[in-house]
Every structure is written in structure tokens, then in C-alpha cells.
Amino acid sequence: MIRRDFISNRPEVIVNVFSSIDGKMTTAPGKNVMEWTAAGIDGGANEMAHRLYDELDCDGLVSGSESLIVWGKDWVELDQPIYEPQKSKAYIVFDGKGRIDWYQTEGLLVVTKEDVSDSYIQQLNEKGIQYITAGRGEYIDLPSALHKLFDLGFRRLGLSGGGTMNGAFLRQGLVDEISFVMAPLAVGGNSTPSLFDSEDLKGLDGAATLELKDLQRVGNGSVWLRYQVKR
């Protein structure tokens, strides 16, 4: 595991998410978690998580391309829009495989790989989308990407990726805080995305230990837990 002590000049990373009490981030694979909000059963956890970006002073919001693809395929219309954070300077999407054909480009910053397809880079240039590249091969080089985001002026990133992306940051020692809003739901499921999906540990040494910073009852039966990742 890469430890925070050895990584200088990078933004702090705050995982800011909401989930069921058993850590599930959606109802089932391929489902849009917005259906919880539309059905009025998320206990206000979705709205609260979005408001917490500002309370946590996040100057950039980070997501993965997989989440956007799922939301696009399983679109859920809300009667009332979710709060839009005001302190963020950009919506930063990690799209290492260059899978998204971008439609909404305002405030967007894409992180992709150095060897992504030429056609994807052409799309970004033609649509005037700001982007950075980090790493080659199967995955984006996360530490390198964070260095480059720091150079662009970002200091506190709010990460709300899917479980795989959150897990990748956690396994590489790149998570500084966890802000977790627990909705009053129990979902279950063997393959349903959870807060941190990653390879199994071989021993306790790989687990991230946490220090509780705050605990509050919020919304309608939800609970906000804020943890510092101990080093």
C-alpha cells in the first residue's frame, strides 16, 4: 500500500458517499441509486451527501465513468433537483478507457490514460473539454493524476466514485477522510456495488483504520458518520 507520508503535493481526498446501512450503493448491479430518492426512501441521505461537499470545503467533485454510464442507461427523473455544491471548481471524471461520448461539458475535467485512443483525445479537444493524462496500460496512475490535479490548484477533492473506484483509492492509501451518510435501508446482495469494492486482503495489515470525527442524525432517519483515516 502507498502511504500518505510518501505522497506530497496532492489534494486531500475525502470519500463523500451515501449508502444503505449494509454499505450498498445501489439496489442491484446496473441500477441507478437515484431511484431511492425518487421513491422517498433514502431518508434524505442523497441530498445531505451533496450538501456535505460544501461543508467539507471540497473544491473538486470526483466520479468514475462507470457511474455515469449506469445512470445514463437507467435514468431516473426526480421531482426536485438534488442540491448542487457551490464550492466546487470542476466535476472531475476518471475515464481511463475513454468510453464516454460527452454531451454536457460545462465545468468538466476528464482524467484519462496517456495511451487512450486518439479518437477520444480528439473528442475532448473538439468539445473544449479540459483533461489530464496519467499512466498507461490497464489503469489510470492515481498518484500521478492527483499530483497533476494539485498543480491545477485543487486542494480538497470529494470522491463519490462507484465501489471499484473508491476501493482503488483506499487500497493505494489515497483516502484521507470518509464522510458516510447511512440511509435507513438494508439492501443485501452478493454482487451489489458497495462502498469499497477491491481485491480481498491477505491480512489485517492492509485494512484502513479510522478515527471517528463526527456523528450526527440527519435528514429523515439517516446518520452521518465522518472518519479520519489513520496512518
Protein backbone atom coordinates (compact mmCIF):
# COMPACT_ATOMS: atom_id res chain seq x y z
CA MET A 1 0.00 0.00 0.00
CA ILE A 2 1.19 3.52 -0.81
CA ARG A 3 1.18 5.59 2.36
CA ARG A 4 0.16 9.24 2.56
CA ASP A 5 3.51 10.15 4.16
CA PHE A 6 5.31 9.43 0.89
CA ILE A 7 2.91 11.36 -1.33
CA SER A 8 3.47 15.12 -1.29
CA ASN A 9 1.81 17.83 -3.30
CA ARG A 10 -1.50 16.13 -3.80
CA PRO A 11 -5.01 17.19 -2.80
CA GLU A 12 -6.67 15.68 0.23
CA VAL A 13 -9.21 13.06 -0.81
CA ILE A 14 -12.50 12.84 1.10
CA VAL A 15 -14.73 9.93 0.16
CA ASN A 16 -18.20 11.50 0.44
CA VAL A 17 -20.95 8.97 -0.19
CA PHE A 18 -24.31 7.69 0.94
CA SER A 19 -25.41 4.07 1.08
CA SER A 20 -27.70 1.59 2.81
CA ILE A 21 -26.86 0.52 6.34
CA ASP A 22 -25.09 -2.54 4.89
CA GLY A 23 -22.90 -0.39 2.68
CA LYS A 24 -24.70 -0.98 -0.63
CA MET A 25 -24.54 1.94 -3.04
CA THR A 26 -27.49 0.90 -5.21
CA THR A 27 -30.31 -1.63 -5.31
CA ALA A 28 -28.56 -4.08 -7.65
CA PRO A 29 -25.86 -4.05 -10.34
CA GLY A 30 -26.77 -1.69 -13.16
CA LYS A 31 -29.38 0.19 -11.14
CA ASN A 32 -29.40 3.95 -10.58
CA VAL A 33 -29.30 4.81 -6.88
CA MET A 34 -31.46 7.86 -7.62
CA GLU A 35 -34.44 5.50 -7.50
CA TRP A 36 -34.13 5.54 -3.71
CA THR A 37 -34.53 9.32 -3.74
CA ALA A 38 -37.37 9.25 -6.28
CA ALA A 39 -39.24 6.74 -4.11
CA GLY A 40 -38.71 8.86 -0.99
CA ILE A 41 -36.98 6.08 0.93
CA ASP A 42 -33.38 7.33 1.17
CA GLY A 43 -34.04 9.32 4.36
CA GLY A 44 -32.63 12.45 2.72
CA ALA A 45 -29.19 10.83 2.52
CA ASN A 46 -28.64 11.76 -1.13
CA GLU A 47 -29.44 15.43 -0.55
CA MET A 48 -27.32 15.53 2.60
CA ALA A 49 -24.31 13.94 0.90
CA HIS A 50 -24.42 16.61 -1.81
CA ARG A 51 -24.64 19.41 0.77
CA LEU A 52 -21.66 17.95 2.64
CA TYR A 53 -19.34 18.69 -0.28
CA ASP A 54 -19.59 22.36 0.70
CA GLU A 55 -19.40 21.72 4.44
CA LEU A 56 -16.23 19.69 3.82
CA ASP A 57 -14.77 22.50 1.65
CA CYS A 58 -14.36 20.29 -1.42
CA ASP A 59 -13.05 22.33 -4.37
CA GLY A 60 -13.48 19.46 -6.84
CA LEU A 61 -16.00 16.62 -7.16
CA VAL A 62 -14.66 13.28 -8.41
CA SER A 63 -16.53 10.42 -10.01
CA GLY A 64 -15.83 7.47 -12.28
CA SER A 65 -17.11 6.86 -15.77
CA GLU A 66 -18.85 3.62 -14.77
CA SER A 67 -21.27 5.51 -12.51
CA LEU A 68 -22.18 7.91 -15.30
CA ILE A 69 -22.73 5.06 -17.74
CA VAL A 70 -25.07 3.29 -15.29
CA TRP A 71 -27.02 6.49 -14.64
CA GLY A 72 -27.37 7.08 -18.38
CA LYS A 73 -28.69 3.57 -19.05
CA ASP A 74 -31.05 3.56 -16.05
CA TRP A 75 -32.13 7.19 -15.94
CA VAL A 76 -34.31 8.26 -13.00
CA GLU A 77 -36.22 11.54 -13.15
CA LEU A 78 -36.54 13.40 -9.84
CA ASP A 79 -39.43 15.71 -8.94
CA GLN A 80 -36.99 18.06 -7.19
CA PRO A 81 -33.33 18.51 -8.16
CA ILE A 82 -30.60 17.48 -5.74
CA TYR A 83 -28.54 20.28 -4.18
CA GLU A 84 -25.68 21.42 -6.40
CA PRO A 85 -22.44 22.11 -4.47
CA GLN A 86 -21.26 25.70 -4.69
CA LYS A 87 -17.59 25.47 -3.69
CA SER A 88 -16.51 23.03 -6.38
CA LYS A 89 -14.44 24.37 -9.29
CA ALA A 90 -14.91 21.31 -11.50
CA TYR A 91 -16.63 17.97 -11.94
CA ILE A 92 -13.69 15.59 -12.38
CA VAL A 93 -14.43 12.29 -14.11
CA PHE A 94 -11.91 9.44 -14.31
CA ASP A 95 -12.47 7.77 -17.70
CA GLY A 96 -9.37 5.70 -18.32
CA LYS A 97 -10.87 3.67 -21.16
CA GLY A 98 -12.29 6.66 -23.00
CA ARG A 99 -15.80 5.24 -23.04
CA ILE A 100 -17.97 8.35 -22.75
CA ASP A 101 -19.29 10.41 -25.64
CA TRP A 102 -19.59 13.71 -23.78
CA TYR A 103 -22.74 15.78 -24.09
CA GLN A 104 -22.60 18.05 -21.04
CA THR A 105 -19.18 19.68 -20.93
CA GLU A 106 -19.55 22.76 -18.72
CA GLY A 107 -17.27 22.61 -15.68
CA LEU A 108 -15.98 19.19 -16.72
CA LEU A 109 -12.40 17.96 -16.24
CA VAL A 110 -11.55 14.48 -17.54
CA VAL A 111 -8.75 12.28 -16.22
CA THR A 112 -7.71 9.56 -18.65
CA LYS A 113 -4.67 7.47 -19.59
CA GLU A 114 -1.72 8.54 -21.70
CA ASP A 115 -2.40 5.73 -24.17
CA VAL A 116 -6.16 6.25 -24.51
CA SER A 117 -7.40 6.19 -28.10
CA ASP A 118 -6.60 9.11 -30.39
CA SER A 119 -10.30 9.42 -31.21
CA TYR A 120 -11.12 10.05 -27.55
CA ILE A 121 -8.49 12.79 -27.25
CA GLN A 122 -9.83 14.27 -30.46
CA GLN A 123 -13.32 14.35 -28.95
CA LEU A 124 -12.06 16.13 -25.84
CA ASN A 125 -10.20 18.71 -27.92
CA GLU A 126 -13.09 19.33 -30.31
CA LYS A 127 -15.54 19.83 -27.45
CA GLY A 128 -13.15 22.06 -25.50
CA ILE A 129 -13.04 19.71 -22.51
CA GLN A 130 -10.14 20.18 -20.13
CA TYR A 131 -8.27 16.93 -19.48
CA ILE A 132 -5.15 15.43 -17.96
CA THR A 133 -3.49 12.09 -18.66
CA ALA A 134 -1.81 9.83 -16.11
CA GLY A 135 -0.45 6.34 -16.61
CA ARG A 136 -0.57 3.68 -19.30
CA GLY A 137 -1.92 0.17 -19.55
CA GLU A 138 -4.99 -1.10 -17.73
CA TYR A 139 -5.48 1.61 -15.11
CA ILE A 140 -5.01 5.33 -14.55
CA ASP A 141 -1.99 6.11 -12.37
CA LEU A 142 -3.87 7.56 -9.39
CA PRO A 143 -0.93 9.21 -7.54
CA SER A 144 0.23 10.86 -10.77
CA ALA A 145 -3.30 12.08 -11.51
CA LEU A 146 -3.55 13.60 -8.03
CA HIS A 147 -0.20 15.37 -8.48
CA LYS A 148 -1.47 16.93 -11.70
CA LEU A 149 -4.76 17.96 -10.10
CA PHE A 150 -2.77 19.60 -7.30
CA ASP A 151 -0.80 21.53 -9.92
CA LEU A 152 -4.13 22.74 -11.33
CA GLY A 153 -4.99 24.22 -7.92
CA PHE A 154 -7.18 21.55 -6.33
CA ARG A 155 -6.66 21.02 -2.60
CA ARG A 156 -9.66 19.01 -1.30
CA LEU A 157 -11.42 16.53 -3.55
CA GLY A 158 -14.76 14.97 -2.75
CA LEU A 159 -14.72 11.43 -4.14
CA SER A 160 -18.07 9.77 -4.83
CA GLY A 161 -17.00 7.10 -7.24
CA GLY A 162 -18.53 3.69 -7.50
CA GLY A 163 -17.26 0.99 -5.19
CA THR A 164 -14.45 -0.04 -7.53
CA MET A 165 -13.06 3.47 -7.80
CA ASN A 166 -13.40 4.14 -4.07
CA GLY A 167 -11.70 0.81 -3.40
CA ALA A 168 -8.79 1.64 -5.70
CA PHE A 169 -8.12 4.92 -3.88
CA LEU A 170 -8.42 3.18 -0.49
CA ARG A 171 -6.08 0.32 -1.39
CA GLN A 172 -3.41 2.77 -2.59
CA GLY A 173 -3.54 4.79 0.63
CA LEU A 174 -5.01 7.84 -1.12
CA VAL A 175 -8.06 8.40 1.10
CA ASP A 176 -7.70 10.93 3.92
CA GLU A 177 -11.29 11.11 5.22
CA ILE A 178 -14.54 9.20 4.83
CA SER A 179 -17.83 11.07 5.01
CA PHE A 180 -20.59 8.48 5.02
CA VAL A 181 -24.34 9.16 5.15
CA MET A 182 -26.16 5.97 6.09
CA ALA A 183 -29.68 5.79 4.65
CA PRO A 184 -32.41 3.88 6.52
CA LEU A 185 -32.31 0.94 4.10
CA ALA A 186 -30.97 -2.61 4.16
CA VAL A 187 -30.36 -3.96 0.66
CA GLY A 188 -28.18 -7.08 0.76
CA GLY A 189 -26.91 -8.81 -2.36
CA ASN A 190 -23.78 -10.74 -3.28
CA SER A 191 -22.71 -8.61 -6.25
CA THR A 192 -24.41 -5.30 -5.47
CA PRO A 193 -21.85 -2.44 -5.52
CA SER A 194 -20.68 -1.44 -2.04
CA LEU A 195 -18.70 1.45 -0.59
CA PHE A 196 -15.27 -0.08 -1.26
CA ASP A 197 -15.04 -2.89 -3.81
CA SER A 198 -11.49 -4.17 -4.28
CA GLU A 199 -9.36 -7.28 -4.12
CA ASP A 200 -9.55 -9.32 -0.93
CA LEU A 201 -6.96 -8.64 1.75
CA LYS A 202 -4.37 -11.25 2.66
CA GLY A 203 -4.00 -9.93 6.19
CA LEU A 204 -5.13 -7.29 8.66
CA ASP A 205 -2.21 -5.00 7.78
CA GLY A 206 -3.99 -3.93 4.60
CA ALA A 207 -7.09 -2.64 6.40
CA ALA A 208 -7.55 1.12 6.78
CA THR A 209 -8.10 2.04 10.42
CA LEU A 210 -10.31 5.03 11.16
CA GLU A 211 -10.82 7.67 13.84
CA LEU A 212 -14.34 8.98 14.35
CA LYS A 213 -14.51 12.78 13.92
CA ASP A 214 -18.26 13.37 13.98
CA LEU A 215 -21.61 11.61 14.17
CA GLN A 216 -24.97 13.25 13.56
CA ARG A 217 -28.55 12.28 12.91
CA VAL A 218 -29.57 13.93 9.63
CA GLY A 219 -32.46 14.01 7.18
CA ASN A 220 -35.28 11.61 7.91
CA GLY A 221 -33.74 8.70 9.76
CA SER A 222 -30.27 8.91 8.21
CA VAL A 223 -26.97 9.12 10.09
CA TRP A 224 -23.82 11.00 9.05
CA LEU A 225 -20.52 9.49 10.10
CA ARG A 226 -17.24 11.31 9.49
CA TYR A 227 -13.94 9.49 9.91
CA GLN A 228 -10.27 10.42 9.60
CA VAL A 229 -8.13 7.70 8.03
CA LYS A 230 -5.33 6.92 10.48
CA ARG A 231 -1.77 6.50 9.19
